[in-house]
Protein backbone atom coordinates (compact mmCIF):
# COMPACT_ATOMS: atom_id res chain seq x y z
CA MET A 1 -9.43 -6.74 -27.05
CA GLU A 2 -5.94 -4.51 -26.81
CA VAL A 3 -5.23 -4.53 -23.12
CA LEU A 4 -6.25 -6.52 -19.97
CA THR A 5 -5.13 -5.27 -16.53
CA LEU A 6 -4.62 -7.62 -13.66
CA ILE A 7 -4.16 -6.16 -10.04
CA LEU A 8 -2.08 -8.07 -7.62
CA ALA A 9 -3.91 -7.90 -4.41
CA GLY A 10 -3.45 -10.62 -2.21
CA GLY A 11 -0.42 -10.23 -0.38
CA LYS A 12 -0.27 -10.30 3.29
CA GLY A 13 2.00 -7.45 3.74
CA SER A 14 3.94 -9.23 6.47
CA ARG A 15 6.39 -6.24 7.22
CA LEU A 16 3.21 -4.07 8.46
CA ASP A 17 2.44 -6.66 10.67
CA ILE A 18 -0.19 -5.75 13.62
CA LEU A 19 -2.07 -3.56 10.78
CA SER A 20 -1.92 -6.31 8.26
CA ARG A 21 -3.39 -9.11 10.41
CA ARG A 22 -6.85 -8.62 10.06
CA ARG A 23 -6.66 -7.31 6.49
CA SER A 24 -4.62 -7.31 3.40
CA LYS A 25 -2.29 -4.71 2.72
CA PRO A 26 -4.22 -3.13 -0.71
CA ALA A 27 -6.98 -2.61 1.67
CA MET A 28 -5.38 -0.39 4.63
CA PRO A 29 -6.35 3.27 4.61
CA PHE A 30 -4.09 5.80 3.61
CA ALA A 31 -4.09 9.49 3.81
CA GLY A 32 -7.54 9.62 5.67
CA LYS A 33 -10.44 8.74 3.14
CA PHE A 34 -8.23 6.49 0.55
CA ARG A 35 -7.22 3.03 0.35
CA ILE A 36 -3.98 1.79 -0.82
CA ILE A 37 -5.84 0.52 -3.83
CA ASP A 38 -7.36 3.54 -4.76
CA PHE A 39 -4.32 4.32 -6.51
CA ALA A 40 -3.53 1.66 -8.88
CA LEU A 41 -7.51 1.53 -9.70
CA SER A 42 -7.90 5.05 -10.37
CA ASN A 43 -4.77 5.05 -12.55
CA CYS A 44 -6.71 2.58 -14.60
CA ALA A 45 -10.15 4.44 -14.86
CA GLN A 46 -7.39 7.59 -15.97
CA SER A 47 -5.81 5.46 -18.21
CA HIS A 48 -9.17 4.32 -20.05
CA LEU A 49 -8.31 0.95 -19.04
CA TYR A 50 -11.82 -0.55 -17.70
CA ASP A 51 -10.82 -4.44 -18.41
CA ILE A 52 -9.49 -5.57 -14.74
CA GLY A 53 -9.17 -8.98 -12.69
CA ILE A 54 -8.23 -8.12 -9.48
CA LEU A 55 -6.48 -10.85 -7.47
CA THR A 56 -7.44 -11.28 -4.08
CA GLN A 57 -6.10 -13.90 -1.37
CA TYR A 58 -5.23 -12.81 1.94
CA LEU A 59 -8.54 -11.74 4.18
CA PRO A 60 -10.45 -10.43 1.25
CA LEU A 61 -13.13 -9.65 2.53
CA SER A 62 -12.87 -5.73 3.67
CA LEU A 63 -10.90 -5.30 0.20
CA ASN A 64 -14.21 -7.05 -1.74
CA GLU A 65 -16.68 -4.57 0.14
CA HIS A 66 -14.41 -1.38 -0.84
CA ILE A 67 -14.29 -2.19 -4.19
CA GLY A 68 -17.81 -3.67 -5.13
CA SER A 69 -19.09 -3.24 -8.42
CA GLY A 70 -16.14 -0.66 -9.22
CA LYS A 71 -18.59 2.40 -9.52
CA PRO A 72 -16.57 4.91 -7.98
CA TRP A 73 -13.50 4.03 -10.52
CA ASP A 74 -16.47 3.85 -13.37
CA LEU A 75 -15.50 0.69 -13.94
CA ASP A 76 -19.45 -0.77 -13.62
CA ARG A 77 -19.35 -0.41 -17.53
CA ARG A 78 -21.81 -1.93 -20.17
CA ASP A 79 -18.93 -2.93 -22.44
CA SER A 80 -16.44 -3.79 -19.22
CA ALA A 81 -16.11 -4.98 -16.12
CA VAL A 82 -14.03 -5.08 -12.72
CA THR A 83 -13.92 -8.82 -11.63
CA LEU A 84 -12.43 -10.21 -8.06
CA LEU A 85 -10.73 -13.10 -8.75
CA GLN A 86 -10.41 -15.30 -5.62
CA PRO A 87 -7.90 -18.94 -5.24
CA HIS A 88 -10.24 -21.97 -5.88
CA ASN A 89 -9.21 -25.51 -5.01
CA TYR A 90 -5.58 -24.35 -4.52
CA TRP A 91 -3.84 -21.05 -2.69
CA TYR A 92 -2.03 -19.22 -4.96
CA LEU A 93 1.92 -19.36 -4.05
CA GLY A 94 3.58 -16.96 -5.81
CA THR A 95 2.80 -13.62 -7.94
CA ALA A 96 3.28 -15.33 -11.05
CA ASP A 97 1.18 -18.45 -9.87
CA ALA A 98 -1.55 -16.49 -9.02
CA VAL A 99 -1.90 -15.26 -12.74
CA LEU A 100 -1.26 -18.55 -14.03
CA LYS A 101 -4.43 -20.10 -12.11
CA ASN A 102 -5.97 -17.82 -13.95
CA LEU A 103 -5.12 -18.21 -17.53
CA GLU A 104 -8.58 -19.47 -18.42
CA PHE A 105 -10.49 -15.62 -17.17
CA ILE A 106 -7.44 -14.18 -19.49
CA GLU A 107 -7.95 -16.31 -22.23
CA ARG A 108 -11.73 -15.26 -22.25
CA HIS A 109 -10.46 -11.96 -23.00
CA ASN A 110 -7.91 -13.01 -25.79
CA PRO A 111 -5.70 -9.67 -25.15
CA LYS A 112 -3.24 -8.88 -27.23
CA TYR A 113 -1.11 -7.06 -24.09
CA VAL A 114 -1.41 -8.03 -20.16
CA LEU A 115 -0.90 -5.09 -17.86
CA ILE A 116 0.01 -6.69 -14.30
CA LEU A 117 0.24 -4.18 -11.21
CA SER A 118 0.85 -4.38 -7.55
CA GLY A 119 -2.47 -3.26 -5.39
CA ASP A 120 -0.22 -1.53 -2.45
CA HIS A 121 1.89 1.35 -4.12
CA ILE A 122 1.30 4.90 -4.12
CA TYR A 123 1.48 6.86 -7.43
CA LYS A 124 0.03 8.35 -10.21
CA MET A 125 0.45 7.02 -13.79
CA ASP A 126 -0.82 7.35 -17.13
CA TYR A 127 -0.41 3.45 -18.63
CA ARG A 128 -1.13 4.72 -21.68
CA LYS A 129 2.17 6.22 -22.04
CA MET A 130 3.84 2.65 -21.10
CA ILE A 131 2.00 1.15 -23.54
CA ALA A 132 2.81 3.53 -26.50
CA TYR A 133 6.66 3.27 -25.21
CA HIS A 134 6.07 -0.36 -25.23
CA GLN A 135 5.37 -0.75 -28.52
CA GLU A 136 7.56 1.99 -30.21
CA HIS A 137 10.32 -0.48 -28.80
CA HIS A 138 8.82 -3.48 -29.72
CA ALA A 139 9.05 -5.13 -26.36
CA ALA A 140 8.01 -8.50 -25.48
CA LEU A 141 8.08 -6.99 -21.61
CA THR A 142 8.56 -3.63 -20.47
CA ILE A 143 9.27 -3.11 -16.66
CA ALA A 144 8.25 0.23 -14.84
CA THR A 145 11.56 1.67 -13.62
CA GLN A 146 12.76 4.26 -11.04
CA PRO A 147 15.85 4.71 -9.22
CA VAL A 148 15.78 3.87 -5.07
CA PRO A 149 18.49 5.13 -2.89
CA GLU A 150 21.03 2.44 -2.09
CA SER A 151 19.85 1.85 1.39
CA ASP A 152 16.49 0.26 -0.09
CA ILE A 153 18.24 -1.63 -3.21
CA HIS A 154 17.63 -4.95 -0.81
CA ARG A 155 13.63 -4.29 -1.03
CA PHE A 156 13.33 -4.31 -5.04
CA GLY A 157 14.23 -6.13 -8.16
CA ILE A 158 17.21 -3.98 -9.51
CA MET A 159 18.32 -3.83 -12.74
CA THR A 160 20.64 -2.75 -15.68
CA THR A 161 20.15 -1.53 -19.06
CA ASN A 162 22.17 -0.45 -21.84
CA ASP A 163 21.91 3.06 -23.54
CA HIS A 164 18.69 2.04 -25.40
CA GLY A 165 16.81 1.03 -22.22
CA GLN A 166 16.93 -2.58 -22.77
CA ILE A 167 17.31 -4.82 -19.61
CA THR A 168 20.40 -6.85 -19.78
CA LYS A 169 20.70 -8.16 -16.17
CA PHE A 170 17.97 -8.47 -13.31
CA GLU A 171 18.39 -9.09 -9.32
CA GLU A 172 15.78 -10.01 -7.21
CA LYS A 173 16.37 -7.80 -3.86
CA PRO A 174 20.02 -7.90 -4.00
CA GLU A 175 22.44 -6.86 -0.92
CA LYS A 176 24.30 -4.73 -3.22
CA SER A 177 24.12 -3.89 -6.95
CA GLU A 178 25.96 -1.84 -9.45
CA SER A 179 22.81 -0.47 -10.33
CA ASN A 180 20.00 1.11 -8.46
CA LEU A 181 16.93 1.24 -10.76
CA ALA A 182 14.19 -0.70 -9.00
CA SER A 183 11.11 -2.54 -10.61
CA MET A 184 7.96 -1.06 -9.78
CA GLY A 185 6.23 -4.14 -9.77
CA VAL A 186 4.15 -2.92 -12.94
CA TYR A 187 4.67 -5.30 -15.94
CA LEU A 188 3.39 -4.94 -19.55
CA PHE A 189 3.64 -8.42 -21.65
CA ASN A 190 2.59 -9.55 -25.13
CA TYR A 191 0.15 -12.27 -23.91
CA ASP A 192 2.14 -14.47 -26.10
CA LEU A 193 5.32 -14.25 -24.43
CA LEU A 194 3.14 -14.35 -20.97
CA LYS A 195 1.65 -17.61 -21.74
CA GLN A 196 4.39 -19.44 -22.69
CA VAL A 197 6.60 -18.96 -19.71
CA LEU A 198 3.89 -19.36 -17.03
CA LEU A 199 3.47 -22.52 -19.08
CA ASN A 200 6.60 -23.58 -19.46
CA ILE A 201 8.65 -22.72 -16.10
CA LYS A 202 8.06 -25.53 -13.83
CA GLN A 203 8.13 -24.05 -10.06
CA GLU A 204 5.54 -24.41 -7.52
CA ASP A 205 6.20 -21.25 -6.12
CA LEU A 206 6.19 -19.24 -9.73
CA ASP A 207 7.14 -15.43 -9.11
CA PHE A 208 7.61 -12.70 -11.39
CA GLY A 209 10.96 -11.28 -9.75
CA LYS A 210 12.36 -14.34 -8.75
CA HIS A 211 11.50 -16.65 -11.89
CA ILE A 212 9.68 -15.28 -14.78
CA VAL A 213 11.43 -12.21 -15.54
CA PRO A 214 15.31 -13.29 -14.84
CA TYR A 215 14.12 -16.30 -17.32
CA ILE A 216 12.91 -14.33 -20.06
CA ILE A 217 16.30 -11.74 -19.96
CA GLU A 218 18.63 -15.02 -19.11
CA GLU A 219 17.25 -17.55 -21.54
CA THR A 220 15.27 -16.10 -24.32
CA ASP A 221 15.43 -13.53 -27.00
CA TRP A 222 13.05 -11.43 -26.39
CA LYS A 223 13.30 -7.61 -25.95
CA VAL A 224 13.03 -6.59 -22.36
CA PHE A 225 12.77 -2.74 -21.67
CA ALA A 226 12.89 -0.74 -18.56
CA TYR A 227 10.05 2.17 -18.56
CA ASN A 228 11.81 5.03 -16.22
CA PHE A 229 9.22 6.76 -14.49
CA THR A 230 9.95 9.91 -13.10
CA ASP A 231 6.82 10.87 -10.96
CA TYR A 232 6.04 10.28 -7.14
CA TRP A 233 5.71 6.53 -6.42
CA MET A 234 6.30 4.88 -2.94
CA ASP A 235 6.00 1.23 -1.79
CA VAL A 236 4.09 2.10 1.99
CA GLY A 237 4.87 -1.80 3.16
CA THR A 238 6.70 -0.86 6.14
CA TYR A 239 5.60 1.12 9.31
CA ASP A 240 8.41 3.67 8.73
CA SER A 241 7.31 4.23 5.29
CA TYR A 242 3.59 3.94 5.89
CA LEU A 243 3.63 6.54 8.64
CA ASP A 244 6.38 8.54 6.78
CA THR A 245 4.43 8.68 3.44
CA ASN A 246 1.15 9.40 5.15
CA LEU A 247 2.52 12.65 7.05
CA GLU A 248 4.03 13.68 3.78
CA MET A 249 0.95 13.96 2.49
CA THR A 250 -0.20 17.04 5.17
CA LYS A 251 2.90 19.50 3.28
CA LYS A 252 1.95 22.41 1.93
CA TYR A 253 3.75 21.24 -1.17
CA THR A 254 3.63 17.17 -2.03
CA LYS A 255 5.01 15.49 -4.95
CA LEU A 256 1.75 13.63 -4.94
CA ASP A 257 -1.20 16.31 -5.62
CA LEU A 258 -4.39 14.70 -4.07
CA TYR A 259 -6.23 17.45 -4.89
CA ASP A 260 -5.44 17.48 -8.53
CA PRO A 261 -8.89 17.75 -10.47
CA THR A 262 -7.03 16.72 -13.97
CA TRP A 263 -6.17 13.54 -12.05
CA LYS A 264 -8.11 12.27 -9.17
CA VAL A 265 -8.06 9.71 -6.98
CA PHE A 266 -11.21 7.95 -6.64
CA THR A 267 -12.60 6.32 -3.45
CA LYS A 268 -15.58 4.68 -1.84
CA SER A 269 -17.65 7.59 -0.66
CA GLU A 270 -17.96 8.08 3.05
CA ASP A 271 -21.25 8.85 3.98
CA LEU A 272 -20.21 10.86 7.04
CA PRO A 273 -20.94 14.35 8.39
CA PRO A 274 -18.52 17.42 8.14
CA VAL A 275 -15.95 17.80 10.16
CA LYS A 276 -16.67 19.25 13.65
CA VAL A 277 -13.89 21.63 15.41
CA GLY A 278 -14.55 22.75 19.05
CA ASP A 279 -13.72 26.06 20.14
CA GLU A 280 -10.55 24.93 22.41
CA ALA A 281 -9.27 22.85 18.91
CA LEU A 282 -5.82 23.57 17.59
CA ILE A 283 -5.26 21.90 13.85
CA ARG A 284 -1.91 22.36 11.89
CA GLN A 285 -0.40 20.85 9.02
CA SER A 286 -2.83 17.53 9.18
CA LEU A 287 -5.66 15.70 6.87
CA VAL A 288 -8.55 15.69 8.76
CA SER A 289 -11.54 13.01 7.38
CA ASN A 290 -15.41 13.46 7.20
CA GLY A 291 -17.14 12.32 10.60
CA CYS A 292 -14.14 13.77 12.63
CA ILE A 293 -15.29 15.36 16.20
CA ILE A 294 -11.94 17.50 17.37
CA ASP A 295 -11.87 19.28 20.72
CA GLY A 296 -7.80 18.52 21.15
CA THR A 297 -4.83 19.45 18.89
CA VAL A 298 -3.52 18.03 15.75
CA ILE A 299 -0.16 18.49 14.36
CA ASN A 300 1.41 17.26 11.55
CA SER A 301 -1.13 13.94 11.53
CA VAL A 302 -3.67 12.63 9.51
CA ILE A 303 -6.92 12.03 10.86
CA SER A 304 -9.30 9.19 9.14
CA PRO A 305 -13.05 9.09 9.03
CA GLY A 306 -15.18 9.15 12.27
CA VAL A 307 -12.03 10.03 14.53
CA ARG A 308 -13.51 11.67 18.30
CA ILE A 309 -10.35 13.51 19.78
CA GLY A 310 -11.12 14.50 23.35
CA LYS A 311 -10.01 18.52 24.92
CA GLY A 312 -6.31 18.71 25.92
CA THR A 313 -5.41 15.99 23.74
CA VAL A 314 -2.55 16.49 21.55
CA ILE A 315 -2.04 14.48 18.58
CA LYS A 316 1.73 14.66 17.10
CA ASP A 317 3.05 12.94 13.59
CA SER A 318 0.33 10.23 14.16
CA VAL A 319 -1.83 8.16 11.72
CA ILE A 320 -5.24 7.87 13.47
CA LEU A 321 -7.87 5.21 11.26
CA ASN A 322 -11.02 5.47 11.39
CA ASN A 323 -13.21 5.62 14.65
CA ALA A 324 -10.97 5.61 16.90
CA ILE A 325 -11.90 7.23 20.14
CA ILE A 326 -9.06 9.32 21.33
CA SER A 327 -10.20 10.98 25.06
CA GLU A 328 -9.46 13.86 27.13
CA ASN A 329 -6.04 14.81 28.13
CA VAL A 330 -4.22 12.35 25.92
CA THR A 331 -0.92 12.30 24.45
CA ILE A 332 -0.15 10.59 21.26
CA GLN A 333 3.28 10.88 19.10
CA ARG A 334 4.99 9.03 16.44
CA SER A 335 2.58 6.16 16.29
CA ILE A 336 -0.40 4.69 14.53
CA ILE A 337 -3.37 4.04 16.19
CA ASP A 338 -5.55 1.34 14.17
CA LYS A 339 -9.47 1.31 13.56
CA LYS A 340 -11.97 1.50 16.71
CA VAL A 341 -9.32 1.92 18.90
CA VAL A 342 -10.40 3.24 22.39
CA ILE A 343 -7.58 5.52 24.21
CA GLY A 344 -8.43 6.22 28.00
CA ARG A 345 -8.19 9.76 29.73
CA ASN A 346 -4.76 11.22 30.52
CA ALA A 347 -2.93 8.15 28.36
CA TYR A 348 0.46 8.94 26.93
CA ILE A 349 1.11 7.08 23.62
CA GLY A 350 4.52 7.60 22.45
CA PHE A 351 6.50 8.83 25.59
CA GLY A 352 10.09 9.81 26.07
CA ASN A 353 13.26 9.38 24.48
CA ASP A 354 14.25 5.84 24.96
CA PHE A 355 14.52 4.14 21.34
CA THR A 356 15.18 0.53 22.45
CA PRO A 357 14.26 -1.47 19.03
CA ASN A 358 11.01 -3.63 19.75
CA ARG A 359 12.59 -7.05 20.97
CA GLU A 360 10.11 -9.20 18.98
CA LYS A 361 10.12 -7.42 16.14
CA PRO A 362 13.41 -5.24 15.86
CA HIS A 363 13.56 -5.36 12.11
CA LEU A 364 10.22 -3.89 11.82
CA LEU A 365 10.08 -1.16 14.57
CA SER A 366 13.27 1.12 15.53
CA SER A 367 12.80 4.28 14.53
CA GLY A 368 10.09 4.93 17.39
CA ILE A 369 6.91 4.28 15.89
CA THR A 370 4.46 2.75 18.28
CA VAL A 371 1.22 0.36 16.64
CA ILE A 372 -1.91 -0.07 18.62
CA GLU A 373 -3.91 -3.05 16.55
CA LYS A 374 -7.49 -2.40 15.67
CA LYS A 375 -10.34 -2.61 18.50
CA THR A 376 -7.79 -1.96 20.89
CA VAL A 377 -9.13 -0.39 24.34
CA ILE A 378 -6.09 1.49 26.11
CA PRO A 379 -6.81 1.74 29.86
CA GLY A 380 -7.13 5.57 31.05
CA ASN A 381 -3.43 6.84 32.78
CA THR A 382 -1.51 4.20 30.50
CA VAL A 383 1.77 5.58 29.28
CA ILE A 384 3.52 3.24 26.49
CA GLY A 385 6.62 4.33 25.14
CA ARG A 386 8.19 3.97 21.44
CA ASN A 387 8.82 0.71 19.11
CA CYS A 388 5.61 -0.84 20.98
CA ARG A 389 3.30 -3.02 19.61
CA ILE A 390 -0.08 -3.42 21.36
CA PHE A 391 -2.52 -6.22 20.56
CA ASN A 392 -6.15 -5.96 21.04
CA THR A 393 -5.87 -8.84 23.38
CA ALA A 394 -3.60 -7.46 25.57
CA THR A 395 -3.72 -7.13 29.36
CA PHE A 396 -2.74 -4.12 31.00
CA LYS A 397 -0.94 -5.47 34.32
CA SER A 398 1.02 -2.26 34.43
CA LYS A 399 0.02 1.14 33.70
CA LYS A 400 3.16 1.62 32.20
CA ILE A 401 5.11 0.08 29.18
CA LYS A 402 8.63 0.16 28.49
CA SER A 403 9.68 1.29 25.13
CA GLY A 404 10.51 -1.99 22.32
CA GLU A 405 7.42 -3.98 24.14
CA THR A 406 4.93 -5.94 22.87
CA LEU A 407 1.59 -6.93 24.89
CA SER A 408 -0.65 -9.31 23.02
């Protein structure tokens, strides 16, 4: 076999906080009908890479159900397969440790190259171009890269390259750096190198960014190259990036085209009826999924399958996930409403101009986003401010929740 693909999909996604409390980050819905992992899987299918291992760990049930046999991505083929690799005996303690614990699976395929992907990024990429680049440069490891704003440097592995594109320095999530070239978490290894370093580095929480990549660059003579990816790519691992990237998909012109017939994003089909729009409804610059019944106003928002929106309700700059029920005369602004939430009449979510950061998690919520957990019931006439976190175990002793509060 030439290429075996491994997708790392076991992360908790702690920066998504409430949203990842009951699901893994790659299983998060995105742009209405999709899941985040659909993008990595669709990229593999479109690149004709059909031998795939998906490494799961944290709350894998919904992810496993979504992937199934891999049929939506044409992965249920006679001559190839998608395999779900869950930990056995011992938990995965790091990204590279997860691969190390599945060496037996890799050995069975005997690949020349191993392509390692993150299962939680939004992008379209033809991996065949990266593989060709890797071969042309006689690289032992190639890392897909993209420049990021200086303010985001601390979130990524940052690389410095020479004039030939060879990586000369790697820093894992530095506060400041002379470079802004970030790792996309897409690695193409020669398998002999990958196996060697996995077995030689004795580190319990073995991680690609912290241990494997710095070791290869600093301690060996293997050639490591950067593959500069210039198209759309986004890590939606925070509340702000998740909401803003969803809303970006509603624009007339987007850098990521979800409607491109030449590079489709596949997903598990939703067996739901068409959208039903009432005679008083108003929908502007939004994504609305199958099975929705809309009698209110939706502006610059993403509405997932099966959502019901009552008369007089106004939803703006928000993401509403599957099967939420929004009653009449509700106002929702800049909020993320998780699956099966029920919001009573005359409620207001995201109220006012008080942008006090969330008192418990100020590093996660400070831009005005309010988040409501899956299956929460919000009583009628409740007013909830900005930067609030509402858990489904909350008891509403007061009908007014100030900005920055957490109800759990």
